[in-house]
N, C-alpha and C. Protein backbone atom coordinates (compact mmCIF):
# COMPACT_ATOMS: atom_id res chain seq x y z
N THR A 1 0.83 -1.21 0.00
CA THR A 1 0.00 0.00 0.00
C THR A 1 0.85 1.23 0.00
N TYR A 2 1.60 1.79 0.15
CA TYR A 2 2.32 3.04 0.06
C TYR A 2 3.55 2.87 -0.80
N SER A 3 3.54 1.90 -1.73
CA SER A 3 4.67 1.62 -2.61
C SER A 3 5.95 1.36 -1.83
N ILE A 4 5.84 0.77 -0.67
CA ILE A 4 7.01 0.41 0.13
C ILE A 4 7.10 -1.11 0.15
N THR A 5 8.23 -1.61 -0.25
CA THR A 5 8.44 -3.05 -0.24
C THR A 5 9.57 -3.36 0.73
N LEU A 6 9.30 -4.24 1.67
CA LEU A 6 10.30 -4.65 2.65
C LEU A 6 10.56 -6.15 2.51
N SER A 7 11.77 -6.51 2.70
CA SER A 7 12.07 -7.94 2.76
C SER A 7 11.53 -8.46 4.09
N GLU A 8 11.44 -9.77 4.24
CA GLU A 8 10.96 -10.33 5.50
C GLU A 8 11.87 -9.91 6.65
N LYS A 9 13.16 -9.86 6.40
CA LYS A 9 14.13 -9.44 7.43
C LYS A 9 13.87 -7.99 7.84
N GLU A 10 13.68 -7.09 6.85
CA GLU A 10 13.43 -5.68 7.14
C GLU A 10 12.11 -5.51 7.90
N ALA A 11 11.11 -6.28 7.50
CA ALA A 11 9.82 -6.20 8.18
C ALA A 11 9.94 -6.62 9.64
N LYS A 12 10.64 -7.71 9.88
CA LYS A 12 10.84 -8.18 11.26
C LYS A 12 11.63 -7.16 12.08
N GLU A 13 12.64 -6.54 11.47
CA GLU A 13 13.42 -5.52 12.16
C GLU A 13 12.53 -4.33 12.54
N ALA A 14 11.63 -3.95 11.64
CA ALA A 14 10.73 -2.83 11.92
C ALA A 14 9.77 -3.18 13.05
N VAL A 15 9.18 -4.38 12.99
CA VAL A 15 8.24 -4.82 14.02
C VAL A 15 8.92 -4.90 15.37
N TYR A 16 10.03 -5.62 15.44
CA TYR A 16 10.70 -5.81 16.72
C TYR A 16 11.38 -4.53 17.20
N GLY A 17 11.80 -3.68 16.27
CA GLY A 17 12.35 -2.38 16.65
C GLY A 17 11.31 -1.53 17.36
N PHE A 18 10.08 -1.53 16.82
CA PHE A 18 8.99 -0.79 17.46
C PHE A 18 8.70 -1.37 18.83
N ARG A 19 8.58 -2.68 18.91
CA ARG A 19 8.24 -3.34 20.18
C ARG A 19 9.33 -3.13 21.23
N ASP A 20 10.58 -3.12 20.81
CA ASP A 20 11.68 -2.88 21.76
C ASP A 20 11.71 -1.43 22.23
N THR A 21 11.35 -0.51 21.33
CA THR A 21 11.37 0.92 21.66
C THR A 21 10.19 1.32 22.55
N TYR A 22 9.04 0.67 22.36
CA TYR A 22 7.83 1.03 23.10
C TYR A 22 7.24 -0.18 23.84
N PRO A 23 7.96 -0.72 24.82
CA PRO A 23 7.46 -1.90 25.52
C PRO A 23 6.14 -1.66 26.27
N GLU A 24 5.90 -0.41 26.65
CA GLU A 24 4.65 -0.11 27.37
C GLU A 24 3.43 -0.30 26.46
N ILE A 25 3.59 -0.06 25.17
CA ILE A 25 2.48 -0.28 24.23
C ILE A 25 2.24 -1.77 24.06
N VAL A 26 3.31 -2.53 23.91
CA VAL A 26 3.19 -3.99 23.78
C VAL A 26 2.53 -4.56 25.04
N SER A 27 2.91 -4.03 26.20
CA SER A 27 2.31 -4.47 27.46
C SER A 27 0.80 -4.19 27.48
N LEU A 28 0.41 -3.01 27.00
CA LEU A 28 -1.01 -2.66 26.95
C LEU A 28 -1.76 -3.61 26.03
N TRP A 29 -1.18 -3.95 24.89
CA TRP A 29 -1.83 -4.92 23.99
C TRP A 29 -2.14 -6.20 24.74
N GLY A 30 -1.15 -6.70 25.48
CA GLY A 30 -1.32 -7.95 26.22
C GLY A 30 -2.37 -7.82 27.32
N GLU A 31 -2.33 -6.70 28.05
CA GLU A 31 -3.31 -6.49 29.12
C GLU A 31 -4.73 -6.44 28.57
N LEU A 32 -4.92 -5.71 27.47
CA LEU A 32 -6.26 -5.61 26.87
C LEU A 32 -6.74 -6.96 26.36
N ASN A 33 -5.85 -7.70 25.71
CA ASN A 33 -6.22 -9.01 25.19
C ASN A 33 -6.61 -9.96 26.32
N ALA A 34 -5.78 -10.02 27.37
CA ALA A 34 -6.05 -10.91 28.50
C ALA A 34 -7.34 -10.53 29.22
N ALA A 35 -7.55 -9.23 29.44
CA ALA A 35 -8.76 -8.77 30.13
C ALA A 35 -10.01 -9.09 29.32
N THR A 36 -9.91 -8.93 28.00
CA THR A 36 -11.05 -9.20 27.13
C THR A 36 -11.39 -10.69 27.14
N LEU A 37 -10.39 -11.54 27.05
CA LEU A 37 -10.63 -12.98 27.12
C LEU A 37 -11.25 -13.37 28.46
N THR A 38 -10.72 -12.84 29.55
CA THR A 38 -11.24 -13.14 30.88
C THR A 38 -12.69 -12.69 31.01
N ALA A 39 -12.97 -11.46 30.61
CA ALA A 39 -14.33 -10.91 30.72
C ALA A 39 -15.32 -11.74 29.91
N PHE A 40 -14.94 -12.09 28.68
CA PHE A 40 -15.86 -12.82 27.81
C PHE A 40 -16.10 -14.25 28.31
N LYS A 41 -15.03 -14.94 28.64
CA LYS A 41 -15.15 -16.34 29.07
C LYS A 41 -15.90 -16.47 30.39
N ALA A 42 -15.67 -15.54 31.31
CA ALA A 42 -16.31 -15.63 32.63
C ALA A 42 -17.64 -14.87 32.69
N GLY A 43 -17.94 -14.09 31.66
CA GLY A 43 -19.18 -13.31 31.66
C GLY A 43 -19.19 -12.26 32.76
N ILE A 44 -18.06 -11.57 32.91
CA ILE A 44 -17.90 -10.57 33.97
C ILE A 44 -17.36 -9.26 33.40
N CYS A 45 -17.22 -8.27 34.27
CA CYS A 45 -16.56 -7.02 33.93
C CYS A 45 -15.14 -7.06 34.48
N VAL A 46 -14.20 -6.61 33.68
CA VAL A 46 -12.80 -6.55 34.10
C VAL A 46 -12.32 -5.12 33.90
N TYR A 47 -11.72 -4.55 34.95
CA TYR A 47 -11.20 -3.19 34.91
C TYR A 47 -9.74 -3.23 34.50
N VAL A 48 -9.38 -2.45 33.50
CA VAL A 48 -7.98 -2.37 33.07
C VAL A 48 -7.67 -0.96 32.58
N ARG A 49 -6.76 -0.29 33.24
CA ARG A 49 -6.25 1.03 32.83
C ARG A 49 -7.35 2.04 32.51
N GLY A 50 -8.32 2.19 33.37
CA GLY A 50 -9.37 3.19 33.16
C GLY A 50 -10.50 2.73 32.26
N LEU A 51 -10.46 1.49 31.83
CA LEU A 51 -11.49 0.93 30.95
C LEU A 51 -12.21 -0.19 31.68
N VAL A 52 -13.45 -0.43 31.31
CA VAL A 52 -14.18 -1.58 31.84
C VAL A 52 -14.53 -2.47 30.65
N ILE A 53 -13.96 -3.68 30.64
CA ILE A 53 -14.28 -4.66 29.60
C ILE A 53 -15.48 -5.44 30.13
N ASP A 54 -16.61 -5.35 29.44
CA ASP A 54 -17.87 -5.94 29.91
C ASP A 54 -18.22 -7.16 29.06
N GLY A 55 -18.07 -8.34 29.64
CA GLY A 55 -18.37 -9.58 28.95
C GLY A 55 -19.66 -10.23 29.39
N ARG A 56 -20.54 -9.47 30.04
CA ARG A 56 -21.77 -10.05 30.59
C ARG A 56 -22.82 -10.39 29.56
N ASP A 57 -22.79 -9.76 28.40
CA ASP A 57 -23.78 -10.02 27.35
C ASP A 57 -23.12 -10.88 26.28
N GLU A 58 -23.57 -12.12 26.15
CA GLU A 58 -22.94 -13.03 25.18
C GLU A 58 -23.11 -12.59 23.73
N ASN A 59 -24.04 -11.66 23.47
CA ASN A 59 -24.27 -11.17 22.11
C ASN A 59 -23.48 -9.92 21.76
N CYS A 60 -22.91 -9.27 22.79
CA CYS A 60 -22.20 -8.02 22.54
C CYS A 60 -21.17 -7.77 23.62
N LEU A 61 -19.91 -7.88 23.26
CA LEU A 61 -18.81 -7.56 24.15
C LEU A 61 -18.63 -6.04 24.11
N LYS A 62 -18.48 -5.41 25.28
CA LYS A 62 -18.40 -3.95 25.31
C LYS A 62 -17.17 -3.49 26.07
N ILE A 63 -16.68 -2.33 25.68
CA ILE A 63 -15.63 -1.65 26.43
C ILE A 63 -16.17 -0.28 26.82
N LYS A 64 -16.24 -0.05 28.13
CA LYS A 64 -16.67 1.25 28.61
C LYS A 64 -15.45 2.16 28.69
N LEU A 65 -15.51 3.27 27.99
CA LEU A 65 -14.42 4.24 27.93
C LEU A 65 -14.48 5.17 29.14
N PRO A 66 -13.39 5.87 29.42
CA PRO A 66 -13.40 6.81 30.55
C PRO A 66 -14.52 7.84 30.47
N SER A 67 -14.94 8.21 29.26
CA SER A 67 -16.00 9.20 29.09
C SER A 67 -17.37 8.64 29.43
N GLY A 68 -17.48 7.31 29.52
CA GLY A 68 -18.78 6.68 29.75
C GLY A 68 -19.37 6.08 28.48
N ARG A 69 -18.81 6.41 27.34
CA ARG A 69 -19.26 5.87 26.06
C ARG A 69 -18.74 4.44 25.92
N TYR A 70 -19.38 3.64 25.05
CA TYR A 70 -19.00 2.25 24.86
C TYR A 70 -18.54 1.96 23.44
N ILE A 71 -17.61 1.03 23.32
CA ILE A 71 -17.28 0.40 22.04
C ILE A 71 -17.95 -0.96 22.08
N HIS A 72 -18.60 -1.35 20.97
CA HIS A 72 -19.34 -2.61 20.92
C HIS A 72 -18.70 -3.57 19.91
N TYR A 73 -18.61 -4.83 20.30
CA TYR A 73 -18.15 -5.90 19.42
C TYR A 73 -19.27 -6.93 19.36
N HIS A 74 -19.97 -6.97 18.22
CA HIS A 74 -21.18 -7.78 18.08
C HIS A 74 -20.89 -9.26 17.83
N LYS A 75 -21.74 -10.08 18.41
CA LYS A 75 -21.70 -11.53 18.26
C LYS A 75 -20.30 -12.12 18.48
N PRO A 76 -19.72 -11.85 19.64
CA PRO A 76 -18.39 -12.40 19.91
C PRO A 76 -18.45 -13.91 20.09
N ARG A 77 -17.37 -14.57 19.73
CA ARG A 77 -17.29 -16.02 19.93
C ARG A 77 -15.85 -16.40 20.20
N LEU A 78 -15.68 -17.43 21.01
CA LEU A 78 -14.37 -17.93 21.37
C LEU A 78 -13.87 -18.86 20.27
N VAL A 79 -12.63 -18.69 19.89
CA VAL A 79 -12.02 -19.55 18.87
C VAL A 79 -10.65 -20.02 19.35
N SER A 80 -10.18 -21.08 18.73
CA SER A 80 -8.81 -21.54 18.95
C SER A 80 -8.21 -21.68 17.57
N GLU A 81 -7.21 -20.87 17.28
CA GLU A 81 -6.61 -20.87 15.95
C GLU A 81 -5.17 -20.43 16.02
N PRO A 82 -4.36 -20.86 15.04
CA PRO A 82 -2.97 -20.39 15.02
C PRO A 82 -2.94 -18.89 14.74
N PRO A 83 -2.00 -18.16 15.32
CA PRO A 83 -1.88 -16.73 14.99
C PRO A 83 -1.55 -16.54 13.51
N PRO A 84 -1.87 -15.38 12.95
CA PRO A 84 -1.58 -15.13 11.53
C PRO A 84 -0.11 -15.32 11.16
N TRP A 85 0.80 -15.15 12.12
CA TRP A 85 2.24 -15.28 11.85
C TRP A 85 2.72 -16.71 12.06
N GLY A 86 1.80 -17.62 12.42
CA GLY A 86 2.16 -19.02 12.61
C GLY A 86 2.31 -19.40 14.06
N GLY A 87 2.49 -20.67 14.29
CA GLY A 87 2.64 -21.17 15.65
C GLY A 87 1.45 -22.00 16.06
N PRO A 88 1.48 -22.50 17.29
CA PRO A 88 0.39 -23.35 17.77
C PRO A 88 -0.89 -22.55 17.97
N PRO A 89 -2.04 -23.22 17.92
CA PRO A 89 -3.32 -22.52 18.13
C PRO A 89 -3.37 -21.81 19.48
N LYS A 90 -4.00 -20.64 19.46
CA LYS A 90 -4.19 -19.85 20.68
C LYS A 90 -5.67 -19.52 20.81
N GLU A 91 -6.09 -19.34 22.04
CA GLU A 91 -7.46 -18.95 22.30
C GLU A 91 -7.62 -17.47 21.97
N GLY A 92 -8.72 -17.15 21.32
CA GLY A 92 -8.98 -15.76 20.96
C GLY A 92 -10.47 -15.53 20.77
N ILE A 93 -10.79 -14.32 20.38
CA ILE A 93 -12.19 -13.93 20.16
C ILE A 93 -12.34 -13.40 18.74
N HIS A 94 -13.42 -13.81 18.10
CA HIS A 94 -13.84 -13.23 16.83
C HIS A 94 -15.15 -12.50 17.07
N PHE A 95 -15.44 -11.52 16.23
CA PHE A 95 -16.71 -10.80 16.33
C PHE A 95 -17.16 -10.44 14.93
N ILE A 96 -18.40 -10.03 14.80
CA ILE A 96 -18.94 -9.61 13.51
C ILE A 96 -18.83 -8.10 13.40
N MET A 97 -18.15 -7.67 12.33
CA MET A 97 -17.99 -6.24 12.07
C MET A 97 -18.89 -5.88 10.90
N TYR A 98 -19.66 -4.83 11.05
CA TYR A 98 -20.57 -4.40 10.00
C TYR A 98 -19.98 -3.18 9.31
N GLY A 99 -19.95 -3.23 7.99
CA GLY A 99 -19.42 -2.12 7.22
C GLY A 99 -20.22 -1.94 5.94
N SER A 100 -19.69 -1.14 5.04
CA SER A 100 -20.40 -0.84 3.79
C SER A 100 -20.57 -2.07 2.91
N LYS A 101 -19.73 -3.08 3.12
CA LYS A 101 -19.83 -4.30 2.32
C LYS A 101 -20.54 -5.42 3.06
N GLY A 102 -21.22 -5.08 4.16
CA GLY A 102 -21.98 -6.07 4.91
C GLY A 102 -21.23 -6.55 6.15
N ALA A 103 -21.64 -7.71 6.64
CA ALA A 103 -21.06 -8.28 7.86
C ALA A 103 -19.81 -9.07 7.53
N LYS A 104 -18.82 -8.99 8.41
CA LYS A 104 -17.55 -9.69 8.20
C LYS A 104 -17.05 -10.21 9.54
N ASP A 105 -16.58 -11.45 9.54
CA ASP A 105 -15.99 -12.03 10.74
C ASP A 105 -14.61 -11.41 10.93
N ASN A 106 -14.33 -10.96 12.14
CA ASN A 106 -13.08 -10.26 12.40
C ASN A 106 -12.43 -10.82 13.67
N ARG A 107 -11.11 -10.89 13.67
CA ARG A 107 -10.36 -11.33 14.84
C ARG A 107 -10.17 -10.14 15.78
N LEU A 108 -10.41 -10.37 17.07
CA LEU A 108 -10.23 -9.34 18.08
C LEU A 108 -8.96 -9.67 18.86
N TYR A 109 -8.02 -8.76 18.90
CA TYR A 109 -6.73 -9.00 19.55
C TYR A 109 -6.24 -7.70 20.18
N GLY A 110 -5.20 -7.80 21.01
CA GLY A 110 -4.73 -6.67 21.78
C GLY A 110 -4.43 -5.42 20.98
N GLY A 111 -3.75 -5.56 19.84
CA GLY A 111 -3.42 -4.40 19.02
C GLY A 111 -4.65 -3.70 18.48
N LEU A 112 -5.65 -4.48 18.04
CA LEU A 112 -6.88 -3.88 17.52
C LEU A 112 -7.67 -3.22 18.66
N LEU A 113 -7.74 -3.89 19.80
CA LEU A 113 -8.41 -3.29 20.96
C LEU A 113 -7.77 -1.95 21.32
N CYS A 114 -6.44 -1.92 21.36
CA CYS A 114 -5.70 -0.70 21.70
C CYS A 114 -6.00 0.40 20.67
N GLU A 115 -5.95 0.05 19.40
CA GLU A 115 -6.24 1.03 18.34
C GLU A 115 -7.65 1.59 18.50
N ASN A 116 -8.63 0.72 18.72
CA ASN A 116 -10.02 1.16 18.87
C ASN A 116 -10.18 2.08 20.08
N VAL A 117 -9.57 1.71 21.20
CA VAL A 117 -9.68 2.52 22.42
C VAL A 117 -9.00 3.88 22.23
N VAL A 118 -7.81 3.89 21.66
CA VAL A 118 -7.09 5.15 21.46
C VAL A 118 -7.88 6.09 20.56
N GLN A 119 -8.41 5.56 19.45
CA GLN A 119 -9.19 6.40 18.54
C GLN A 119 -10.47 6.91 19.20
N ALA A 120 -11.12 6.05 19.98
CA ALA A 120 -12.36 6.45 20.64
C ALA A 120 -12.11 7.51 21.70
N VAL A 121 -11.05 7.35 22.49
CA VAL A 121 -10.73 8.35 23.52
C VAL A 121 -10.33 9.67 22.85
N ALA A 122 -9.59 9.60 21.75
CA ALA A 122 -9.22 10.82 21.02
C ALA A 122 -10.47 11.55 20.54
N ARG A 123 -11.46 10.79 20.05
CA ARG A 123 -12.72 11.39 19.60
C ARG A 123 -13.43 12.05 20.77
N ASP A 124 -13.45 11.38 21.92
CA ASP A 124 -14.13 11.93 23.09
C ASP A 124 -13.45 13.21 23.58
N LEU A 125 -12.12 13.24 23.52
CA LEU A 125 -11.39 14.45 23.90
C LEU A 125 -11.68 15.60 22.92
N LEU A 126 -11.72 15.28 21.62
CA LEU A 126 -12.04 16.30 20.62
C LEU A 126 -13.44 16.87 20.85
N LEU A 127 -14.40 15.98 21.09
CA LEU A 127 -15.76 16.43 21.33
C LEU A 127 -15.84 17.31 22.58
N SER A 128 -15.13 16.92 23.62
CA SER A 128 -15.12 17.72 24.85
C SER A 128 -14.60 19.13 24.57
N GLY A 129 -13.53 19.21 23.80
CA GLY A 129 -12.99 20.52 23.43
C GLY A 129 -13.97 21.34 22.62
N MET A 130 -14.69 20.67 21.73
CA MET A 130 -15.69 21.38 20.91
C MET A 130 -16.80 21.95 21.79
N LEU A 131 -17.23 21.15 22.77
CA LEU A 131 -18.28 21.62 23.67
C LEU A 131 -17.80 22.80 24.51
N GLU A 132 -16.54 22.74 24.95
CA GLU A 132 -15.96 23.87 25.70
C GLU A 132 -15.92 25.13 24.82
N ALA A 133 -15.55 24.95 23.56
CA ALA A 133 -15.49 26.09 22.64
C ALA A 133 -16.88 26.68 22.41
N GLU A 134 -17.87 25.81 22.28
CA GLU A 134 -19.24 26.31 22.09
C GLU A 134 -19.75 27.07 23.31
N LYS A 135 -19.35 26.63 24.51
CA LYS A 135 -19.73 27.35 25.74
C LYS A 135 -19.22 28.79 25.71
N LEU A 136 -18.05 28.98 25.10
CA LEU A 136 -17.47 30.33 25.02
C LEU A 136 -18.14 31.19 23.96
N GLY A 137 -18.85 30.57 23.02
CA GLY A 137 -19.51 31.31 21.97
C GLY A 137 -19.04 30.98 20.56
N PHE A 138 -18.10 30.05 20.42
CA PHE A 138 -17.68 29.63 19.09
C PHE A 138 -18.79 28.81 18.43
N LYS A 139 -18.96 28.97 17.13
CA LYS A 139 -19.91 28.15 16.38
C LYS A 139 -19.08 27.14 15.59
N ILE A 140 -19.17 25.87 15.98
CA ILE A 140 -18.44 24.82 15.27
C ILE A 140 -19.22 24.52 13.99
N ILE A 141 -18.57 24.66 12.84
CA ILE A 141 -19.29 24.43 11.59
C ILE A 141 -18.90 23.12 10.91
N MET A 142 -17.73 22.55 11.27
CA MET A 142 -17.38 21.24 10.74
C MET A 142 -16.13 20.72 11.43
N THR A 143 -15.93 19.41 11.26
CA THR A 143 -14.69 18.79 11.71
C THR A 143 -14.13 18.00 10.54
N ILE A 144 -12.83 17.88 10.49
CA ILE A 144 -12.14 17.06 9.51
C ILE A 144 -11.12 16.25 10.31
N HIS A 145 -11.42 14.97 10.51
CA HIS A 145 -10.57 14.08 11.33
C HIS A 145 -10.34 14.71 12.71
N ASP A 146 -9.15 15.22 12.98
CA ASP A 146 -8.87 15.80 14.30
C ASP A 146 -8.84 17.33 14.24
N GLU A 147 -9.46 17.89 13.24
CA GLU A 147 -9.46 19.34 13.03
C GLU A 147 -10.87 19.89 13.28
N VAL A 148 -10.93 21.02 13.97
CA VAL A 148 -12.19 21.69 14.23
C VAL A 148 -12.21 23.00 13.46
N VAL A 149 -13.31 23.28 12.79
CA VAL A 149 -13.47 24.55 12.09
C VAL A 149 -14.64 25.27 12.75
N SER A 150 -14.38 26.48 13.18
CA SER A 150 -15.45 27.26 13.81
C SER A 150 -15.45 28.66 13.22
N GLU A 151 -16.53 29.37 13.51
CA GLU A 151 -16.58 30.75 13.05
C GLU A 151 -17.21 31.62 14.13
N VAL A 152 -16.78 32.83 14.11
CA VAL A 152 -17.33 33.86 14.99
C VAL A 152 -17.52 35.12 14.14
N SER A 153 -18.32 36.03 14.63
CA SER A 153 -18.51 37.27 13.87
C SER A 153 -17.19 38.05 13.82
N ILE A 154 -17.04 38.85 12.83
CA ILE A 154 -15.80 39.59 12.58
C ILE A 154 -15.41 40.49 13.76
N ASP A 155 -16.41 40.94 14.52
CA ASP A 155 -16.12 41.84 15.64
C ASP A 155 -16.09 41.10 16.99
N SER A 156 -16.07 39.79 16.96
CA SER A 156 -16.05 38.99 18.19
C SER A 156 -14.70 39.11 18.91
N PRO A 157 -14.73 39.12 20.24
CA PRO A 157 -13.47 39.12 20.99
C PRO A 157 -12.83 37.72 20.99
N LEU A 158 -13.57 36.71 20.52
CA LEU A 158 -13.04 35.36 20.48
C LEU A 158 -12.13 35.17 19.28
N GLY A 159 -11.04 34.47 19.51
CA GLY A 159 -10.10 34.22 18.42
C GLY A 159 -9.37 32.91 18.62
N GLU A 160 -8.29 32.76 17.90
CA GLU A 160 -7.49 31.53 17.92
C GLU A 160 -7.05 31.15 19.33
N LYS A 161 -6.56 32.11 20.08
CA LYS A 161 -6.05 31.84 21.43
C LYS A 161 -7.13 31.21 22.31
N GLU A 162 -8.33 31.77 22.29
CA GLU A 162 -9.42 31.27 23.11
C GLU A 162 -9.88 29.88 22.64
N LEU A 163 -9.90 29.66 21.33
CA LEU A 163 -10.30 28.36 20.81
C LEU A 163 -9.30 27.29 21.22
N LEU A 164 -8.02 27.57 21.08
CA LEU A 164 -6.99 26.60 21.45
C LEU A 164 -7.04 26.29 22.94
N ALA A 165 -7.29 27.31 23.75
CA ALA A 165 -7.40 27.08 25.20
C ALA A 165 -8.59 26.17 25.51
N ALA A 166 -9.70 26.37 24.84
CA ALA A 166 -10.88 25.53 25.05
C ALA A 166 -10.60 24.08 24.65
N MET A 167 -9.89 23.90 23.55
CA MET A 167 -9.61 22.55 23.06
C MET A 167 -8.65 21.79 23.98
N CYS A 168 -7.94 22.51 24.83
CA CYS A 168 -6.94 21.88 25.71
C CYS A 168 -7.42 21.66 27.14
N ILE A 169 -8.69 21.91 27.40
CA ILE A 169 -9.24 21.66 28.73
C ILE A 169 -9.47 20.16 28.89
N VAL A 170 -8.86 19.57 29.89
CA VAL A 170 -9.07 18.15 30.15
C VAL A 170 -10.46 17.99 30.75
N PRO A 171 -11.29 17.13 30.15
CA PRO A 171 -12.65 16.95 30.67
C PRO A 171 -12.64 16.32 32.06
N GLU A 172 -13.72 16.50 32.78
CA GLU A 172 -13.83 15.96 34.14
C GLU A 172 -13.52 14.46 34.17
N TRP A 173 -14.04 13.72 33.19
CA TRP A 173 -13.82 12.26 33.18
C TRP A 173 -12.35 11.90 32.95
N GLY A 174 -11.55 12.83 32.46
CA GLY A 174 -10.15 12.55 32.17
C GLY A 174 -9.18 13.03 33.23
N GLU A 175 -9.71 13.70 34.26
CA GLU A 175 -8.83 14.21 35.31
C GLU A 175 -8.13 13.05 36.01
N GLY A 176 -6.85 13.23 36.24
CA GLY A 176 -6.07 12.20 36.93
C GLY A 176 -5.62 11.06 36.02
N MET A 177 -5.91 11.15 34.73
CA MET A 177 -5.52 10.08 33.80
C MET A 177 -4.21 10.39 33.08
N GLY A 178 -3.65 11.57 33.33
CA GLY A 178 -2.36 11.90 32.73
C GLY A 178 -2.45 12.52 31.35
N PHE A 179 -3.64 12.94 30.92
CA PHE A 179 -3.77 13.56 29.61
C PHE A 179 -3.04 14.90 29.58
N VAL A 180 -2.25 15.12 28.56
CA VAL A 180 -1.62 16.40 28.30
C VAL A 180 -2.10 16.81 26.92
N LEU A 181 -2.96 17.81 26.86
CA LEU A 181 -3.56 18.20 25.60
C LEU A 181 -2.88 19.43 25.02
N LYS A 182 -2.70 19.40 23.71
CA LYS A 182 -2.09 20.51 23.00
C LYS A 182 -2.84 20.68 21.69
N ALA A 183 -3.01 21.90 21.27
CA ALA A 183 -3.71 22.18 20.01
C ALA A 183 -2.94 23.23 19.22
N GLU A 184 -3.08 23.14 17.94
CA GLU A 184 -2.50 24.15 17.03
C GLU A 184 -3.63 24.70 16.19
N GLY A 185 -3.44 25.88 15.66
CA GLY A 185 -4.48 26.44 14.82
C GLY A 185 -4.03 27.67 14.07
N TRP A 186 -4.95 28.21 13.36
CA TRP A 186 -4.73 29.46 12.65
C TRP A 186 -6.07 30.17 12.54
N GLU A 187 -6.00 31.43 12.27
CA GLU A 187 -7.20 32.25 12.17
C GLU A 187 -7.22 32.90 10.80
N GLY A 188 -8.36 32.87 10.14
CA GLY A 188 -8.45 33.48 8.81
C GLY A 188 -9.88 33.78 8.42
N ALA A 189 -10.02 34.46 7.30
CA ALA A 189 -11.34 34.86 6.83
C ALA A 189 -12.06 33.73 6.11
N TYR A 190 -11.34 32.69 5.70
CA TYR A 190 -11.97 31.56 5.00
C TYR A 190 -11.17 30.30 5.29
N TYR A 191 -11.79 29.15 5.04
CA TYR A 191 -11.14 27.86 5.33
C TYR A 191 -10.08 27.53 4.29
N ARG A 192 -8.99 26.97 4.73
CA ARG A 192 -7.95 26.44 3.84
C ARG A 192 -7.36 25.22 4.50
N LYS A 193 -6.75 24.37 3.74
CA LYS A 193 -6.12 23.18 4.27
C LYS A 193 -4.66 23.44 4.51
């Protein structure tokens, strides 16, 4: 996909280089995977790093985010299969993912759980900043991925500085979680990329 071709040796060096450089991320993958398996198999809730993995509903595995919002994994099922990279069969979870091409069976694993949680928490932080900006009087007119576009009247005392400050307020649900928020922006008469 990006016209990059790696030999198997180069690919392994990249993978293991990342894992060696960021062991805390690899640890989180393992914690999320283990907690999810435990919650699903036992039909219980498991708390891990500010998240609640809820395995009580056999039709829908859920992760409660710090904001109170949930990520849902529909029709989860326990499987035993070799990992994609080979080796002996391991216990894991599959779920049904719904998309534009219909339903698809998907493997649920620590890296995917981590990606989903990080993206969901980032969305919740962005929304919180947008709500703070609206409280000040900004009119949010659109978002593009992690970008907020707002407008105010030409004679408004609100500007870039106030918007950036609003976007960097840690929400109540995130207090004590170690979030350090930073925003960049620009001010202009019309939108540009």
